Structures are given as C-alpha cells and as structure tokens.
C-alpha atoms as a PDB file:
ATOM      1  CA  UNK A   1      11.202   5.344  17.961  1.00  0.00           C
ATOM      2  CA  UNK A   2      12.169   1.712  17.418  1.00  0.00           C
ATOM      3  CA  UNK A   3      13.333   0.363  14.037  1.00  0.00           C
ATOM      4  CA  UNK A   4      14.293  -3.087  12.875  1.00  0.00           C
ATOM      5  CA  UNK A   5      15.288  -4.682   9.568  1.00  0.00           C
ATOM      6  CA  UNK A   6      14.135  -8.282   9.411  1.00  0.00           C
ATOM      7  CA  UNK A   7      13.790 -11.195   7.004  1.00  0.00           C
ATOM      8  CA  UNK A   8      10.344 -12.756   6.899  1.00  0.00           C
ATOM      9  CA  UNK A   9      10.215 -16.289   5.561  1.00  0.00           C
ATOM     10  CA  UNK A  10       7.778 -16.655   2.675  1.00  0.00           C
ATOM     11  CA  UNK A  11       6.950 -19.434   0.239  1.00  0.00           C
ATOM     12  CA  UNK A  12       9.290 -17.670  -2.205  1.00  0.00           C
ATOM     13  CA  UNK A  13      12.201 -17.156   0.186  1.00  0.00           C
ATOM     14  CA  UNK A  14      13.277 -14.562   2.777  1.00  0.00           C
ATOM     15  CA  UNK A  15      11.659 -11.155   2.291  1.00  0.00           C
ATOM     16  CA  UNK A  16      13.646  -8.191   3.577  1.00  0.00           C
ATOM     17  CA  UNK A  17      11.357  -5.941   5.593  1.00  0.00           C
ATOM     18  CA  UNK A  18      11.645  -2.614   7.412  1.00  0.00           C
ATOM     19  CA  UNK A  19       9.625  -2.206  10.596  1.00  0.00           C
ATOM     20  CA  UNK A  20       9.234   0.716  12.978  1.00  0.00           C
ATOM     21  CA  UNK A  21       7.063   1.602  15.942  1.00  0.00           C
ATOM     22  CA  UNK A  22       6.879   4.130  18.792  1.00  0.00           C
ATOM     23  CA  UNK A  23       8.861   3.811  21.985  1.00  0.00           C
ATOM     24  CA  UNK A  24       7.009   1.951  24.698  1.00  0.00           C
ATOM     25  CA  UNK A  25       5.549  -1.502  25.205  1.00  0.00           C
ATOM     26  CA  UNK A  26       2.449  -1.035  23.095  1.00  0.00           C
ATOM     27  CA  UNK A  27       0.706  -2.941  21.774  1.00  0.00           C
ATOM     28  CA  UNK A  28       0.288  -0.741  18.706  1.00  0.00           C
ATOM     29  CA  UNK A  29      -2.204  -1.207  15.845  1.00  0.00           C
ATOM     30  CA  UNK A  30      -0.441  -2.199  12.640  1.00  0.00           C
ATOM     31  CA  UNK A  31      -0.192  -0.675   9.174  1.00  0.00           C
ATOM     32  CA  UNK A  32       1.062  -2.674   6.201  1.00  0.00           C
ATOM     33  CA  UNK A  33       2.822  -0.248   3.873  1.00  0.00           C
ATOM     34  CA  UNK A  34       3.168  -1.630   0.336  1.00  0.00           C
ATOM     35  CA  UNK A  35       5.960   0.032  -1.641  1.00  0.00           C
ATOM     36  CA  UNK A  36       5.582   1.784  -4.991  1.00  0.00           C
ATOM     37  CA  UNK A  37       7.288   0.709  -8.218  1.00  0.00           C
ATOM     38  CA  UNK A  38      10.641   2.500  -7.698  1.00  0.00           C
ATOM     39  CA  UNK A  39      11.168   0.188  -4.751  1.00  0.00           C
ATOM     40  CA  UNK A  40      12.677   0.375  -1.293  1.00  0.00           C
ATOM     41  CA  UNK A  41      14.517   3.596  -0.460  1.00  0.00           C
ATOM     42  CA  UNK A  42      15.028   6.052   2.377  1.00  0.00           C
ATOM     43  CA  UNK A  43      12.045   8.099   1.202  1.00  0.00           C
ATOM     44  CA  UNK A  44       9.734   5.203   2.045  1.00  0.00           C
ATOM     45  CA  UNK A  45      11.454   4.616   5.383  1.00  0.00           C
ATOM     46  CA  UNK A  46      10.765   8.248   6.275  1.00  0.00           C
ATOM     47  CA  UNK A  47       7.090   7.847   5.359  1.00  0.00           C
ATOM     48  CA  UNK A  48       6.899   4.701   7.512  1.00  0.00           C
ATOM     49  CA  UNK A  49       8.490   6.601  10.408  1.00  0.00           C
ATOM     50  CA  UNK A  50       5.910   9.332  10.075  1.00  0.00           C
ATOM     51  CA  UNK A  51       3.109   6.767  10.357  1.00  0.00           C
ATOM     52  CA  UNK A  52       4.779   5.154  13.361  1.00  0.00           C
ATOM     53  CA  UNK A  53       5.042   8.544  15.056  1.00  0.00           C
ATOM     54  CA  UNK A  54       1.226   8.654  15.009  1.00  0.00           C
ATOM     55  CA  UNK A  55       1.129   5.553  17.219  1.00  0.00           C
ATOM     56  CA  UNK A  56       1.379   2.626  14.815  1.00  0.00           C
ATOM     57  CA  UNK A  57       3.528  -0.403  14.164  1.00  0.00           C
ATOM     58  CA  UNK A  58       4.470  -0.120  10.471  1.00  0.00           C
ATOM     59  CA  UNK A  59       5.740  -2.946   8.305  1.00  0.00           C
ATOM     60  CA  UNK A  60       7.242  -2.170   4.884  1.00  0.00           C
ATOM     61  CA  UNK A  61       8.262  -5.239   2.839  1.00  0.00           C
ATOM     62  CA  UNK A  62      10.636  -5.296  -0.122  1.00  0.00           C
ATOM     63  CA  UNK A  63       8.245  -6.839  -2.633  1.00  0.00           C
ATOM     64  CA  UNK A  64      10.998  -7.177  -5.237  1.00  0.00           C
ATOM     65  CA  UNK A  65      12.905  -9.695  -3.111  1.00  0.00           C
ATOM     66  CA  UNK A  66      12.076 -12.420  -5.643  1.00  0.00           C
ATOM     67  CA  UNK A  67      14.433 -10.766  -8.110  1.00  0.00           C
ATOM     68  CA  UNK A  68      17.344 -10.226  -5.728  1.00  0.00           C
ATOM     69  CA  UNK A  69      18.249  -6.861  -4.232  1.00  0.00           C
ATOM     70  CA  UNK A  70      16.957  -4.099  -6.501  1.00  0.00           C
ATOM     71  CA  UNK A  71      17.716  -0.505  -5.598  1.00  0.00           C
ATOM     72  CA  UNK A  72      17.207   2.508  -7.849  1.00  0.00           C
ATOM     73  CA  UNK A  73      19.231   5.587  -6.846  1.00  0.00           C
ATOM     74  CA  UNK A  74      18.200   7.331 -10.074  1.00  0.00           C
ATOM     75  CA  UNK A  75      14.915   7.767 -11.905  1.00  0.00           C
ATOM     76  CA  UNK A  76      15.459   7.448 -15.642  1.00  0.00           C
ATOM     77  CA  UNK A  77      14.326   5.273 -18.532  1.00  0.00           C
ATOM     78  CA  UNK A  78      16.848   2.548 -17.730  1.00  0.00           C
ATOM     79  CA  UNK A  79      15.750   2.155 -14.124  1.00  0.00           C
ATOM     80  CA  UNK A  80      12.091   2.427 -15.119  1.00  0.00           C
ATOM     81  CA  UNK A  81      12.504  -0.455 -17.551  1.00  0.00           C
ATOM     82  CA  UNK A  82      13.784  -2.646 -14.710  1.00  0.00           C
ATOM     83  CA  UNK A  83      11.129  -1.868 -12.121  1.00  0.00           C
ATOM     84  CA  UNK A  84       8.387  -2.110 -14.731  1.00  0.00           C
ATOM     85  CA  UNK A  85       9.620  -5.591 -15.661  1.00  0.00           C
ATOM     86  CA  UNK A  86       9.736  -6.615 -12.008  1.00  0.00           C
ATOM     87  CA  UNK A  87       6.261  -5.223 -11.397  1.00  0.00           C
ATOM     88  CA  UNK A  88       4.885  -7.103 -14.416  1.00  0.00           C
ATOM     89  CA  UNK A  89       6.316 -10.370 -13.110  1.00  0.00           C
ATOM     90  CA  UNK A  90       4.842 -10.088  -9.620  1.00  0.00           C
ATOM     91  CA  UNK A  91       1.246 -11.246  -9.383  1.00  0.00           C
ATOM     92  CA  UNK A  92      -1.408 -10.237  -6.895  1.00  0.00           C
ATOM     93  CA  UNK A  93      -1.402 -13.844  -5.654  1.00  0.00           C
ATOM     94  CA  UNK A  94       2.351 -13.628  -5.026  1.00  0.00           C
ATOM     95  CA  UNK A  95       1.932 -10.572  -2.825  1.00  0.00           C
ATOM     96  CA  UNK A  96      -1.039 -12.080  -1.002  1.00  0.00           C
ATOM     97  CA  UNK A  97       1.300 -14.950  -0.073  1.00  0.00           C
ATOM     98  CA  UNK A  98       3.741 -12.331   1.208  1.00  0.00           C
ATOM     99  CA  UNK A  99       0.942 -10.638   3.117  1.00  0.00           C
ATOM    100  CA  UNK A 100      -0.035 -13.915   4.751  1.00  0.00           C
ATOM    101  CA  UNK A 101       3.565 -14.303   5.922  1.00  0.00           C
ATOM    102  CA  UNK A 102       3.634 -10.738   7.292  1.00  0.00           C
ATOM    103  CA  UNK A 103       0.399 -11.270   9.182  1.00  0.00           C
ATOM    104  CA  UNK A 104       1.731 -14.495  10.695  1.00  0.00           C
ATOM    105  CA  UNK A 105       4.914 -12.701  11.727  1.00  0.00           C
ATOM    106  CA  UNK A 106       2.992  -9.892  13.402  1.00  0.00           C
ATOM    107  CA  UNK A 107       0.739 -12.372  15.201  1.00  0.00           C
ATOM    108  CA  UNK A 108       3.800 -13.477  17.144  1.00  0.00           C
ATOM    109  CA  UNK A 109       4.779  -9.990  18.307  1.00  0.00           C
ATOM    110  CA  UNK A 110       3.700  -8.630  21.682  1.00  0.00           C
ATOM    111  CA  UNK A 111       4.239  -5.078  20.390  1.00  0.00           C
ATOM    112  CA  UNK A 112       1.522  -5.485  17.723  1.00  0.00           C
ATOM    113  CA  UNK A 113      -2.087  -5.088  18.779  1.00  0.00           C
ATOM    114  CA  UNK A 114      -4.344  -8.009  17.959  1.00  0.00           C
ATOM    115  CA  UNK A 115      -7.304  -7.387  15.702  1.00  0.00           C
ATOM    116  CA  UNK A 116      -7.908  -5.306  12.568  1.00  0.00           C
ATOM    117  CA  UNK A 117      -5.082  -3.710  10.604  1.00  0.00           C
ATOM    118  CA  UNK A 118      -4.627  -1.039   7.962  1.00  0.00           C
ATOM    119  CA  UNK A 119      -2.923  -0.977   4.585  1.00  0.00           C
ATOM    120  CA  UNK A 120      -1.664   1.769   2.320  1.00  0.00           C
ATOM    121  CA  UNK A 121      -0.140   1.654  -1.142  1.00  0.00           C
ATOM    122  CA  UNK A 122       1.075   4.057  -3.795  1.00  0.00           C
ATOM    123  CA  UNK A 123       1.362   3.557  -7.562  1.00  0.00           C
ATOM    124  CA  UNK A 124       1.693  -0.194  -8.272  1.00  0.00           C
ATOM    125  CA  UNK A 125       0.412  -0.987  -4.782  1.00  0.00           C
ATOM    126  CA  UNK A 126      -3.053   0.453  -5.342  1.00  0.00           C
ATOM    127  CA  UNK A 127      -3.932  -2.933  -6.747  1.00  0.00           C
ATOM    128  CA  UNK A 128      -2.236  -4.663  -3.827  1.00  0.00           C
ATOM    129  CA  UNK A 129      -4.176  -2.941  -1.063  1.00  0.00           C
ATOM    130  CA  UNK A 130      -7.362  -3.666  -3.004  1.00  0.00           C
ATOM    131  CA  UNK A 131      -6.419  -7.333  -3.319  1.00  0.00           C
ATOM    132  CA  UNK A 132      -5.415  -7.493   0.349  1.00  0.00           C
ATOM    133  CA  UNK A 133      -8.689  -5.957   1.520  1.00  0.00           C
ATOM    134  CA  UNK A 134     -10.577  -8.519  -0.572  1.00  0.00           C
ATOM    135  CA  UNK A 135      -8.377 -11.502   0.306  1.00  0.00           C
ATOM    136  CA  UNK A 136      -8.250 -10.804   4.046  1.00  0.00           C
ATOM    137  CA  UNK A 137     -11.567  -9.009   4.607  1.00  0.00           C
ATOM    138  CA  UNK A 138     -11.692  -9.716   8.338  1.00  0.00           C
ATOM    139  CA  UNK A 139      -8.232  -8.241   8.886  1.00  0.00           C
ATOM    140  CA  UNK A 140      -7.862  -5.105   6.769  1.00  0.00           C
ATOM    141  CA  UNK A 141     -10.283  -2.531   8.116  1.00  0.00           C
ATOM    142  CA  UNK A 142      -8.718   0.692   6.779  1.00  0.00           C
ATOM    143  CA  UNK A 143      -7.154   0.824   3.335  1.00  0.00           C
ATOM    144  CA  UNK A 144      -5.833   3.611   1.126  1.00  0.00           C
ATOM    145  CA  UNK A 145      -4.721   3.593  -2.510  1.00  0.00           C
ATOM    146  CA  UNK A 146      -2.973   6.670  -3.862  1.00  0.00           C
ATOM    147  CA  UNK A 147      -2.858   7.007  -7.663  1.00  0.00           C
ATOM    148  CA  UNK A 148      -3.069   3.222  -7.853  1.00  0.00           C
ATOM    149  CA  UNK A 149      -2.010   1.427 -11.010  1.00  0.00           C
ATOM    150  CA  UNK A 150      -3.431  -1.852 -12.307  1.00  0.00           C
ATOM    151  CA  UNK A 151      -6.471  -1.976 -10.043  1.00  0.00           C
ATOM    152  CA  UNK A 152      -8.725  -2.783 -13.015  1.00  0.00           C
ATOM    153  CA  UNK A 153      -7.446  -5.095 -15.763  1.00  0.00           C
ATOM    154  CA  UNK A 154      -8.953  -7.724 -18.036  1.00  0.00           C
ATOM    155  CA  UNK A 155      -7.071 -10.519 -16.248  1.00  0.00           C
ATOM    156  CA  UNK A 156      -8.809 -13.110 -14.120  1.00  0.00           C
ATOM    157  CA  UNK A 157      -6.815 -12.009 -11.070  1.00  0.00           C
ATOM    158  CA  UNK A 158      -7.611  -8.313 -11.443  1.00  0.00           C
ATOM    159  CA  UNK A 159      -7.841  -6.741  -7.995  1.00  0.00           C
ATOM    160  CA  UNK A 160     -11.210  -5.109  -8.712  1.00  0.00           C
ATOM    161  CA  UNK A 161     -12.783  -8.564  -8.910  1.00  0.00           C
ATOM    162  CA  UNK A 162     -12.143  -8.929  -5.165  1.00  0.00           C
ATOM    163  CA  UNK A 163     -14.070  -5.781  -4.230  1.00  0.00           C
ATOM    164  CA  UNK A 164     -17.168  -7.860  -3.529  1.00  0.00           C
ATOM    165  CA  UNK A 165     -15.413  -9.495  -0.567  1.00  0.00           C
ATOM    166  CA  UNK A 166     -14.247  -6.298   1.122  1.00  0.00           C
ATOM    167  CA  UNK A 167     -15.586  -5.518   4.598  1.00  0.00           C
ATOM    168  CA  UNK A 168     -13.258  -2.664   5.532  1.00  0.00           C
ATOM    169  CA  UNK A 169     -13.233   1.001   4.579  1.00  0.00           C
ATOM    170  CA  UNK A 170     -11.528   2.030   1.324  1.00  0.00           C
ATOM    171  CA  UNK A 171     -10.004   5.274   0.121  1.00  0.00           C
ATOM    172  CA  UNK A 172      -9.012   5.707  -3.527  1.00  0.00           C
ATOM    173  CA  UNK A 173      -7.262   8.950  -4.401  1.00  0.00           C
ATOM    174  CA  UNK A 174      -6.354   9.504  -8.044  1.00  0.00           C
ATOM    175  CA  UNK A 175      -4.311  12.179  -9.794  1.00  0.00           C
ATOM    176  CA  UNK A 176      -6.026  14.441 -12.309  1.00  0.00           C
ATOM    177  CA  UNK A 177      -3.266  13.781 -14.853  1.00  0.00           C
ATOM    178  CA  UNK A 178      -2.065  10.195 -14.906  1.00  0.00           C
ATOM    179  CA  UNK A 179      -1.162   8.301 -18.058  1.00  0.00           C
ATOM    180  CA  UNK A 180      -0.841   5.067 -16.051  1.00  0.00           C
ATOM    181  CA  UNK A 181      -4.574   5.017 -15.241  1.00  0.00           C
ATOM    182  CA  UNK A 182      -6.705   4.414 -18.364  1.00  0.00           C
ATOM    183  CA  UNK A 183     -10.063   6.168 -18.641  1.00  0.00           C
ATOM    184  CA  UNK A 184     -12.062   3.016 -17.891  1.00  0.00           C
ATOM    185  CA  UNK A 185     -10.448   2.373 -14.497  1.00  0.00           C
ATOM    186  CA  UNK A 186     -12.234   4.865 -12.272  1.00  0.00           C
ATOM    187  CA  UNK A 187     -15.790   4.249 -13.558  1.00  0.00           C
ATOM    188  CA  UNK A 188     -15.300   0.469 -13.489  1.00  0.00           C
ATOM    189  CA  UNK A 189     -13.910   0.538  -9.963  1.00  0.00           C
ATOM    190  CA  UNK A 190     -16.615   2.929  -8.795  1.00  0.00           C
ATOM    191  CA  UNK A 191     -19.308   0.673 -10.225  1.00  0.00           C
ATOM    192  CA  UNK A 192     -17.959  -2.316  -8.277  1.00  0.00           C
ATOM    193  CA  UNK A 193     -17.701  -0.353  -5.044  1.00  0.00           C
ATOM    194  CA  UNK A 194     -21.262   0.912  -5.411  1.00  0.00           C
ATOM    195  CA  UNK A 195     -22.652  -2.447  -6.522  1.00  0.00           C
ATOM    196  CA  UNK A 196     -21.419  -4.185  -3.375  1.00  0.00           C
ATOM    197  CA  UNK A 197     -22.077  -1.203  -1.090  1.00  0.00           C
ATOM    198  CA  UNK A 198     -18.466  -0.924   0.033  1.00  0.00           C
ATOM    199  CA  UNK A 199     -17.747   1.854   2.531  1.00  0.00           C
ATOM    200  CA  UNK A 200     -15.488   4.049   0.429  1.00  0.00           C
ATOM    201  CA  UNK A 201     -14.346   7.422  -0.795  1.00  0.00           C
ATOM    202  CA  UNK A 202     -13.081   7.748  -4.360  1.00  0.00           C
ATOM    203  CA  UNK A 203     -11.853  11.121  -5.545  1.00  0.00           C
ATOM    204  CA  UNK A 204      -9.665  12.767  -8.161  1.00  0.00           C
ATOM    205  CA  UNK A 205      -7.402  15.533  -6.871  1.00  0.00           C
ATOM    206  CA  UNK A 206      -7.448  18.622  -9.147  1.00  0.00           C
ATOM    207  CA  UNK A 207      -4.133  19.912 -10.391  1.00  0.00           C
ATOM    208  CA  UNK A 208      -2.197  16.779  -9.486  1.00  0.00           C
ATOM    209  CA  UNK A 209      -0.032  14.324 -11.418  1.00  0.00           C
ATOM    210  CA  UNK A 210       1.004  10.727 -10.747  1.00  0.00           C
ATOM    211  CA  UNK A 211       3.390  10.733  -7.790  1.00  0.00           C
ATOM    212  CA  UNK A 212       1.958  13.821  -6.119  1.00  0.00           C
ATOM    213  CA  UNK A 213       2.387  12.446  -2.584  1.00  0.00           C
ATOM    214  CA  UNK A 214       6.198  12.248  -2.662  1.00  0.00           C
ATOM    215  CA  UNK A 215       7.986  15.432  -1.513  1.00  0.00           C
ATOM    216  CA  UNK A 216      11.176  14.667  -3.459  1.00  0.00           C
ATOM    217  CA  UNK A 217       9.442  14.711  -6.842  1.00  0.00           C
ATOM    218  CA  UNK A 218       8.814  17.688  -9.084  1.00  0.00           C
ATOM    219  CA  UNK A 219       5.124  16.773  -9.195  1.00  0.00           C
ATOM    220  CA  UNK A 220       4.733  16.971  -5.413  1.00  0.00           C
ATOM    221  CA  UNK A 221       1.456  18.674  -4.481  1.00  0.00           C
ATOM    222  CA  UNK A 222       1.632  19.532  -0.805  1.00  0.00           C
ATOM    223  CA  UNK A 223      -2.018  20.369  -0.258  1.00  0.00           C
ATOM    224  CA  UNK A 224      -3.283  17.157  -1.868  1.00  0.00           C
ATOM    225  CA  UNK A 225      -0.583  15.037  -0.236  1.00  0.00           C
ATOM    226  CA  UNK A 226      -1.367  16.356   3.230  1.00  0.00           C
ATOM    227  CA  UNK A 227      -5.089  15.951   2.655  1.00  0.00           C
ATOM    228  CA  UNK A 228      -4.814  12.262   1.812  1.00  0.00           C
ATOM    229  CA  UNK A 229      -2.334  11.719   4.641  1.00  0.00           C
ATOM    230  CA  UNK A 230      -4.782  13.075   7.170  1.00  0.00           C
ATOM    231  CA  UNK A 231      -7.681  11.153   5.626  1.00  0.00           C
ATOM    232  CA  UNK A 232      -5.746   7.914   6.008  1.00  0.00           C
ATOM    233  CA  UNK A 233      -4.619   8.655   9.554  1.00  0.00           C
ATOM    234  CA  UNK A 234      -8.176   9.565  10.552  1.00  0.00           C
ATOM    235  CA  UNK A 235      -9.458   6.345   8.989  1.00  0.00           C
ATOM    236  CA  UNK A 236      -6.847   4.353  10.926  1.00  0.00           C
ATOM    237  CA  UNK A 237      -7.862   5.962  14.207  1.00  0.00           C
ATOM    238  CA  UNK A 238     -11.510   5.184  13.583  1.00  0.00           C
ATOM    239  CA  UNK A 239     -11.016   1.652  12.310  1.00  0.00           C
ATOM    240  CA  UNK A 240      -8.009   0.150  14.070  1.00  0.00           C
ATOM    241  CA  UNK A 241      -7.350   2.447  17.038  1.00  0.00           C
END
C-alpha cells in the first residue's frame, strides 16, 4: 500500500491531508473521508487504509487546519470543549471550499480514476457529506453518513437544504441512543429525501450509541459497524467502480 502526507492549498491556507491507495498504477476510484469531531488520529488513518485495501484512493483532510495543529490524545471534557468550539466555527461553505481544492488536486493525479467519487463521514461530518453531495452532485455518486450531527438545523446553510440537488446515492445510519441528534432530525431529513426522490437508505441501528463504528470506544458495536462498512463498500463498487 502507498501512503503520502501532503499539503493541499486552499483559500484558507495549506490543509494537511493523509492519502493512501493500493500498490500498482491504478487508476483507482476515489473516496473522500471526512474526519469526525475528535480530529485526525491514527484510528482514522487505519480506517482509510482499510478502504484503500478494497481498491480505492482515499483522501483524509485535516479539517481543523484553520485553527493550527489540533490533536487530541485523550477524550475528556477539556478536549471536547476544544473540538466542539472548532466544529462550531467551521461552516459547511468552508469545507465545500476545501472539497473543491481536494477535487482539483485529485484531478491532477494519474493514480486517481476520472469520474464519480464517494464520500463518507462520521459524527460532525454527516452534515459535510450531505453538503458535498448537494454542492457537487455530478461528482459524489456514493455517500455515507454515520450518526451524523448537524445535518438538520434552522440555519440558512443547513446541509438538509441541499438535498434537493443530490443526484448520487445516500446512506444515513443513525444510532438508537444519540443525544447529539434531536428528535426532529430524522423525520425532517427523511421528508426531504422522499420529497425529492433521492436514492437513499436511512436506518436506525438498534442497541447502538453515538460512536458505534469505532473499535477503540466502549460503545463499539461490531455487528452494526461491520454492516454499515459493507453497505458503503458495496455502494462504492456499484457507483464508482
């Protein structure tokens, strides 16, 4: 497997980014992997490597680059207060600018297959894959949100307002117990998806809590995590090759 740490130039400055892909010339279809709120860490690199091992070029940007280098070796109230503040000060439009820069970067790589791409996001990035699918509808053909946060808000830039533009396939997997997802989110999102006849699956996984996809957490739910992993990989194979 090949790996490379790069800086991608954006309108906000250089964005540190981890990339990986299988050995060989390719070209390989690409997956944009948007990080969750606790930020860049080896756990995410390992998840990116697992995707790459399935035959994909994976790009994982450090979306907190605007605030300097933020790393959180511990999960406690102090670190949560920092990443929550960073998350609150990073708009969907900001990350769509970052996405535009990533797409331009990949366009110049012989190892990346031309054509449709996939996206996946956990936690705070559920809103980001939704925004990306709506902002770049001709590019993102396979998209997965796992226990996404902030997909539906009362703000003008709420990601759910972009659902009407989506052309790709969407998967939304929610935890049964999740205090970060208010009761109105799922029915509001479902109504938008149905209204605009978006090709989608939206489901709540019984017996799960927020964070259930990450093996290092106490709330890890192997059966649900492996189910959504395979659903996403199958969607990628169908939609981007």
